[in-house]
Amino acid sequence: MSLHLLVTGAAGFIGSAYVRALLADPADDVRITVLDLLTYAGNRANLDLTDPRLTFVHGDIRDAVLVDRLAARADQIVHFAAESHVDRSITGATAFVRTNVVGTQTLLDAALRHRVERFVQISTDEVYGSIDSGSWPETHPLAPNSPYSASKAAGDLLALAYHRTHGLDVRVTRCSNNYGIRQHPEKVIPRFVTTLLDGGSVPLYGTGENIRDWVHVDDHCAGVELVRTRGRAGRVYNLGGGTELSNKELTSMLLEAFGADWGRVEHVADRKGHDARYSVDWTRAREELGYAPTHDLATDLAGVVDWYRDNRAWWEPLVSDRAV
């Protein structure tokens, strides 16, 4: 009997990479239903809709009737759907609370009602706040600083509460900053790449000293699959990449990839509540699940640039929708 997964938000960057990885083997008997609202960040072109194992449903995770119908047919749920851009959450938090909190609760209720075997909540390292040194373990108290990260933390706590209260098999992943192809050009790497391709200047917040850990989207998705198949109910798993860079260092790498100089950089006022540094300790995922990132950002960056250079038709319709 084939496994039937309900994967939310899988027309987006990370969710679609996860689905493509699961369907890469034509002999794999998995069946996947994708539920996606197709907001500005979702794109049907990210999925092979001709694959008979894949069913696409255009809909909202807050639609309780629709979610109930889809959960009734699913063995497991992998929940990627989220509003995820910090800048947008600062200018308007409502959509973030509705999607990341209410939408998650709607899915959890349906999963509980239909006795779904497993619920994987995809989250972010930003729920921990900011850390000056060292790395966060999964037991670190949550201290989110943006409306985005606060809404994700609320979704995580709801999911874990459904495990503790109702016994629902919930597993939570918290990842570092993702990079790779098909990422919406509001995010820093594709924003800089597409802007440089168009001959423009790229914006650098403040001094550019804010530090992020970077993980390739394929490594992240491999980690999610390890958590889904080998993880433990009620556990949180950090999924990092092991590549910490300041925004200034990342900008320098991107400029070098284009043979450009710092004259193409525009220094802009810092983001409100800008976290200084993120760093997750992913010892648990490595020791319990065998998680081991294989990609290196410095090596992969040229390929990412080439993809955006060769796929203007994919990203050009999106650049007018960039957040400031």
Protein backbone atom coordinates (compact mmCIF):
# COMPACT_ATOMS: atom_id res chain seq x y z
CA MET A 1 0.00 0.00 0.00
CA SER A 2 1.41 3.38 -0.98
CA LEU A 3 1.94 6.17 1.54
CA HIS A 4 -0.29 9.23 1.03
CA LEU A 5 1.22 12.54 2.16
CA LEU A 6 -0.57 15.86 2.42
CA VAL A 7 2.11 18.53 1.90
CA THR A 8 1.06 22.12 2.48
CA GLY A 9 2.71 25.10 0.82
CA ALA A 10 4.53 22.92 -1.69
CA ALA A 11 4.29 25.34 -4.59
CA GLY A 12 6.76 27.50 -2.69
CA PHE A 13 10.55 27.33 -2.60
CA ILE A 14 11.24 24.78 0.15
CA GLY A 15 8.04 22.72 -0.08
CA SER A 16 8.40 22.22 -3.83
CA ALA A 17 12.02 21.12 -3.39
CA TYR A 18 10.81 18.55 -0.87
CA VAL A 19 8.13 17.21 -3.22
CA ARG A 20 10.53 17.07 -6.18
CA ALA A 21 12.98 15.07 -4.05
CA LEU A 22 10.29 12.59 -2.97
CA LEU A 23 9.13 12.07 -6.56
CA ALA A 24 12.63 11.87 -8.06
CA ASP A 25 12.51 8.06 -8.10
CA PRO A 26 9.83 6.97 -10.61
CA ALA A 27 9.55 3.65 -8.80
CA ASP A 28 8.67 5.23 -5.46
CA ASP A 29 5.06 4.42 -4.56
CA VAL A 30 4.42 7.56 -2.51
CA ARG A 31 1.33 9.63 -3.36
CA ILE A 32 1.35 13.34 -2.60
CA THR A 33 -1.44 15.88 -2.36
CA VAL A 34 -0.17 19.44 -2.41
CA LEU A 35 -2.36 22.12 -0.82
CA ASP A 36 -1.24 25.64 -1.73
CA LEU A 37 -3.02 29.00 -1.83
CA LEU A 38 -0.72 30.26 -4.60
CA THR A 39 0.03 33.57 -2.94
CA TYR A 40 2.79 35.70 -4.49
CA ALA A 41 5.36 33.16 -3.24
CA GLY A 42 3.71 30.08 -4.77
CA ASN A 43 4.29 28.94 -8.33
CA ARG A 44 2.77 25.91 -10.07
CA ALA A 45 5.84 25.82 -12.32
CA ASN A 46 7.85 24.58 -9.33
CA LEU A 47 6.06 21.21 -9.55
CA ASP A 48 5.72 18.51 -12.18
CA LEU A 49 1.95 18.42 -12.36
CA THR A 50 2.09 15.65 -14.98
CA ASP A 51 3.31 13.12 -12.40
CA PRO A 52 0.36 10.77 -11.69
CA ARG A 53 1.50 10.42 -8.07
CA LEU A 54 0.96 14.17 -7.50
CA THR A 55 -2.37 15.91 -6.94
CA PHE A 56 -2.46 19.69 -6.69
CA VAL A 57 -5.23 21.44 -4.74
CA HIS A 58 -5.51 25.22 -4.87
CA GLY A 59 -6.77 26.22 -1.44
CA ASP A 60 -6.20 27.77 1.97
CA ILE A 61 -4.98 25.92 5.06
CA ARG A 62 -7.48 28.03 7.04
CA ASP A 63 -10.38 26.49 5.09
CA ALA A 64 -11.54 23.96 7.67
CA VAL A 65 -13.92 22.15 5.31
CA LEU A 66 -11.28 21.68 2.61
CA VAL A 67 -8.54 20.74 5.09
CA ASP A 68 -10.86 18.21 6.74
CA ARG A 69 -11.58 16.55 3.39
CA LEU A 70 -7.89 16.32 2.48
CA ALA A 71 -6.75 15.15 5.92
CA ALA A 72 -9.32 12.34 5.83
CA ARG A 73 -7.41 10.81 2.90
CA ALA A 74 -3.88 11.44 4.18
CA ASP A 75 -1.64 9.13 6.14
CA GLN A 76 0.73 11.90 7.19
CA ILE A 77 0.96 15.70 6.92
CA VAL A 78 4.11 17.73 6.22
CA HIS A 79 3.32 21.38 6.90
CA PHE A 80 5.46 23.90 4.98
CA ALA A 81 2.77 26.51 4.29
CA ALA A 82 3.65 29.84 5.89
CA GLU A 83 3.98 33.54 5.45
CA SER A 84 7.73 33.81 5.83
CA HIS A 85 9.23 37.19 4.89
CA VAL A 86 10.27 39.21 7.95
CA ASP A 87 10.05 42.60 6.21
CA ARG A 88 6.45 41.95 5.18
CA SER A 89 5.57 40.91 8.75
CA ILE A 90 6.90 44.22 10.08
CA THR A 91 4.65 46.27 7.82
CA GLY A 92 1.62 43.98 8.28
CA ALA A 93 1.41 41.11 10.75
CA THR A 94 -2.21 40.05 10.21
CA ALA A 95 -1.56 37.58 7.37
CA PHE A 96 1.24 35.99 9.39
CA VAL A 97 -0.96 35.32 12.41
CA ARG A 98 -3.83 34.04 10.27
CA THR A 99 -1.66 31.66 8.24
CA ASN A 100 1.06 30.60 10.67
CA VAL A 101 -1.13 30.30 13.75
CA VAL A 102 -4.76 29.83 12.70
CA GLY A 103 -3.82 27.81 9.61
CA THR A 104 -1.60 25.51 11.67
CA GLN A 105 -4.35 25.02 14.25
CA THR A 106 -6.83 24.17 11.49
CA LEU A 107 -4.48 21.48 10.16
CA LEU A 108 -3.82 20.09 13.63
CA ASP A 109 -7.53 19.81 14.38
CA ALA A 110 -8.09 17.90 11.14
CA ALA A 111 -5.08 15.65 11.77
CA LEU A 112 -6.42 14.82 15.22
CA ARG A 113 -9.95 14.23 14.00
CA HIS A 114 -8.85 11.82 11.29
CA ARG A 115 -6.09 10.15 13.31
CA VAL A 116 -3.34 11.13 10.90
CA GLU A 117 -0.27 9.03 11.67
CA ARG A 118 2.24 11.87 11.74
CA PHE A 119 2.38 15.68 11.56
CA VAL A 120 5.68 17.39 10.67
CA GLN A 121 5.74 21.10 11.50
CA ILE A 122 8.34 23.00 9.46
CA SER A 123 9.66 25.96 11.42
CA THR A 124 12.65 28.31 11.61
CA ASP A 125 15.67 29.13 13.73
CA GLU A 126 14.26 32.65 14.11
CA VAL A 127 11.92 31.47 16.88
CA TYR A 128 14.93 31.42 19.22
CA GLY A 129 15.62 35.14 18.81
CA SER A 130 19.24 36.27 18.57
CA ILE A 131 22.39 34.72 20.02
CA ASP A 132 25.72 36.51 20.49
CA SER A 133 27.87 33.37 20.70
CA GLY A 134 27.47 29.62 20.61
CA SER A 135 24.47 27.84 19.09
CA TRP A 136 20.93 27.16 20.22
CA PRO A 137 19.98 23.61 21.25
CA GLU A 138 16.38 22.57 20.78
CA THR A 139 15.76 23.07 24.51
CA HIS A 140 16.56 26.80 24.36
CA PRO A 141 13.63 29.03 25.38
CA LEU A 142 11.87 30.71 22.48
CA ALA A 143 12.37 34.48 22.23
CA PRO A 144 11.15 35.63 18.79
CA ASN A 145 11.71 39.27 17.87
CA SER A 146 9.64 39.79 14.71
CA PRO A 147 5.94 39.25 14.00
CA TYR A 148 7.00 36.51 11.55
CA SER A 149 9.08 34.57 14.07
CA ALA A 150 6.51 35.12 16.83
CA SER A 151 3.79 33.61 14.63
CA LYS A 152 6.01 30.63 13.80
CA ALA A 153 6.82 30.12 17.50
CA ALA A 154 3.09 30.14 18.25
CA GLY A 155 2.52 27.49 15.58
CA ASP A 156 5.30 25.34 17.03
CA LEU A 157 3.88 25.57 20.54
CA LEU A 158 0.40 24.68 19.30
CA ALA A 159 1.75 21.64 17.45
CA LEU A 160 3.70 20.43 20.47
CA ALA A 161 0.66 21.04 22.70
CA TYR A 162 -1.42 18.75 20.46
CA HIS A 163 1.22 16.06 21.02
CA ARG A 164 1.26 16.50 24.80
CA THR A 165 -2.49 16.93 25.20
CA HIS A 166 -3.87 14.57 22.55
CA GLY A 167 -0.99 12.22 21.78
CA LEU A 168 -0.76 13.36 18.16
CA ASP A 169 2.58 12.34 16.64
CA VAL A 170 4.06 15.79 16.02
CA ARG A 171 7.66 16.44 14.96
CA VAL A 172 9.05 19.96 14.59
CA THR A 173 11.99 21.06 12.44
CA ARG A 174 13.77 24.41 12.79
CA CYS A 175 16.09 25.30 9.95
CA SER A 176 18.71 27.92 9.16
CA ASN A 177 18.46 30.33 6.22
CA ASN A 178 17.86 28.36 3.02
CA TYR A 179 19.40 29.00 -0.38
CA GLY A 180 19.06 27.37 -3.80
CA ILE A 181 17.19 27.72 -7.09
CA ARG A 182 13.53 28.73 -7.42
CA GLN A 183 13.65 30.98 -4.35
CA HIS A 184 11.42 34.05 -4.56
CA PRO A 185 13.40 37.22 -5.36
CA GLU A 186 12.27 38.96 -2.19
CA LYS A 187 14.81 36.82 -0.29
CA VAL A 188 18.33 38.14 0.05
CA ILE A 189 20.34 35.87 -2.28
CA PRO A 190 17.91 35.84 -5.24
CA ARG A 191 17.13 39.51 -4.66
CA PHE A 192 20.80 40.43 -4.93
CA VAL A 193 21.36 38.07 -7.87
CA THR A 194 18.39 39.31 -9.90
CA THR A 195 19.17 42.94 -9.11
CA LEU A 196 22.78 42.53 -10.20
CA LEU A 197 21.65 40.73 -13.35
CA ASP A 198 19.53 43.78 -14.15
CA GLY A 199 22.44 46.15 -13.53
CA GLY A 200 21.01 47.62 -10.33
CA SER A 201 22.40 48.33 -6.88
CA VAL A 202 21.75 45.97 -3.97
CA PRO A 203 20.59 47.16 -0.53
CA LEU A 204 22.63 46.25 2.56
CA TYR A 205 20.99 46.76 5.92
CA GLY A 206 22.95 48.82 8.47
CA THR A 207 26.58 47.81 8.80
CA GLY A 208 25.99 44.36 7.29
CA GLU A 209 27.41 42.64 10.38
CA ASN A 210 24.30 40.52 11.07
CA ILE A 211 25.24 36.84 10.88
CA ARG A 212 23.21 33.96 9.47
CA ASP A 213 23.85 30.24 9.08
CA TRP A 214 23.07 28.98 5.57
CA VAL A 215 21.75 25.57 4.51
CA HIS A 216 21.08 24.40 0.97
CA VAL A 217 17.40 23.71 0.39
CA ASP A 218 18.15 20.13 -0.69
CA ASP A 219 20.04 19.47 2.57
CA HIS A 220 17.16 20.98 4.52
CA CYS A 221 14.63 18.78 2.70
CA ALA A 222 16.78 15.69 3.30
CA GLY A 223 16.69 16.60 6.98
CA VAL A 224 12.91 16.99 6.95
CA GLU A 225 12.59 13.54 5.42
CA LEU A 226 14.87 12.07 8.09
CA VAL A 227 12.69 13.65 10.77
CA ARG A 228 9.52 12.34 9.11
CA THR A 229 10.81 8.79 8.74
CA ARG A 230 13.19 8.38 11.69
CA GLY A 231 12.36 11.12 14.17
CA ARG A 232 10.57 10.78 17.48
CA ALA A 233 7.12 12.06 18.34
CA GLY A 234 7.12 15.26 20.37
CA ARG A 235 10.72 16.11 19.42
CA VAL A 236 12.17 19.28 17.91
CA TYR A 237 15.08 18.94 15.49
CA ASN A 238 17.36 21.78 14.45
CA LEU A 239 18.58 21.55 10.84
CA GLY A 240 21.59 23.75 10.16
CA GLY A 241 24.06 24.10 7.34
CA GLY A 242 27.31 24.91 9.13
CA THR A 243 28.07 28.01 7.02
CA GLU A 244 27.88 31.19 9.09
CA LEU A 245 28.34 34.43 7.18
CA SER A 246 27.72 38.08 7.94
CA ASN A 247 25.46 39.81 5.45
CA LYS A 248 28.50 41.83 4.43
CA GLU A 249 30.49 38.65 3.71
CA LEU A 250 27.59 37.22 1.71
CA THR A 251 27.33 40.45 -0.28
CA SER A 252 31.04 40.30 -1.04
CA MET A 253 30.67 36.75 -2.38
CA LEU A 254 27.79 37.77 -4.62
CA LEU A 255 29.63 40.83 -5.93
CA GLU A 256 32.63 38.62 -6.71
CA ALA A 257 30.39 36.19 -8.62
CA PHE A 258 29.41 39.08 -10.90
CA GLY A 259 32.84 40.71 -11.09
CA ALA A 260 31.25 43.76 -9.46
CA ASP A 261 32.59 46.13 -6.79
CA TRP A 262 31.12 47.81 -3.73
CA GLY A 263 29.93 50.67 -5.88
CA ARG A 264 26.92 48.43 -6.63
CA VAL A 265 25.92 48.37 -2.93
CA GLU A 266 23.48 50.83 -1.38
CA HIS A 267 23.66 51.07 2.40
CA VAL A 268 20.13 51.41 3.82
CA ALA A 269 18.68 51.93 7.29
CA ASP A 270 18.72 48.79 9.40
CA ARG A 271 15.60 46.63 9.70
CA LYS A 272 13.52 47.17 12.83
CA GLY A 273 14.42 44.64 15.53
CA HIS A 274 17.10 43.10 13.30
CA ASP A 275 18.48 40.00 15.03
CA ALA A 276 22.27 40.08 15.26
CA ARG A 277 23.07 36.39 14.82
CA TYR A 278 21.39 33.03 14.31
CA SER A 279 23.12 29.71 14.92
CA VAL A 280 21.51 26.33 15.61
CA ASP A 281 23.11 23.30 17.22
CA TRP A 282 22.06 20.33 15.09
CA THR A 283 23.82 17.65 17.14
CA ARG A 284 20.49 15.94 17.87
CA ALA A 285 19.61 15.55 14.17
CA ARG A 286 23.12 14.31 13.39
CA GLU A 287 23.35 11.79 16.22
CA GLU A 288 19.75 10.50 16.21
CA LEU A 289 18.98 10.65 12.49
CA GLY A 290 22.29 10.77 10.62
CA TYR A 291 21.66 14.29 9.30
CA ALA A 292 24.74 15.59 7.46
CA PRO A 293 24.60 18.56 5.03
CA THR A 294 26.58 17.91 1.85
CA HIS A 295 26.38 21.29 0.10
CA ASP A 296 28.73 24.25 0.41
CA LEU A 297 27.46 27.76 -0.30
CA ALA A 298 30.76 29.02 -1.72
CA THR A 299 30.80 26.11 -4.18
CA ASP A 300 27.09 26.27 -5.04
CA LEU A 301 26.75 30.02 -5.50
CA ALA A 302 27.89 30.05 -9.15
CA GLY A 303 25.25 27.46 -10.03
CA VAL A 304 22.53 29.48 -8.28
CA VAL A 305 23.58 32.60 -10.22
CA ASP A 306 23.57 30.64 -13.48
CA TRP A 307 20.05 29.33 -12.82
CA TYR A 308 18.65 32.83 -12.34
CA ARG A 309 20.56 34.05 -15.38
CA ASP A 310 19.07 31.25 -17.49
CA ASN A 311 15.53 31.43 -16.09
CA ARG A 312 14.44 35.03 -16.41
CA ALA A 313 10.97 33.94 -17.45
CA TRP A 314 10.55 32.38 -13.99
CA TRP A 315 11.58 35.38 -11.88
CA GLU A 316 10.97 38.51 -13.96
CA PRO A 317 7.18 38.51 -13.32
CA LEU A 318 7.94 38.40 -9.58
CA VAL A 319 10.36 41.29 -9.10
CA SER A 320 7.67 44.00 -9.07
CA ASP A 321 6.26 42.28 -5.97
CA ARG A 322 9.42 42.61 -3.93
CA ALA A 323 9.10 43.92 -0.37
CA VAL A 324 11.10 47.07 0.36
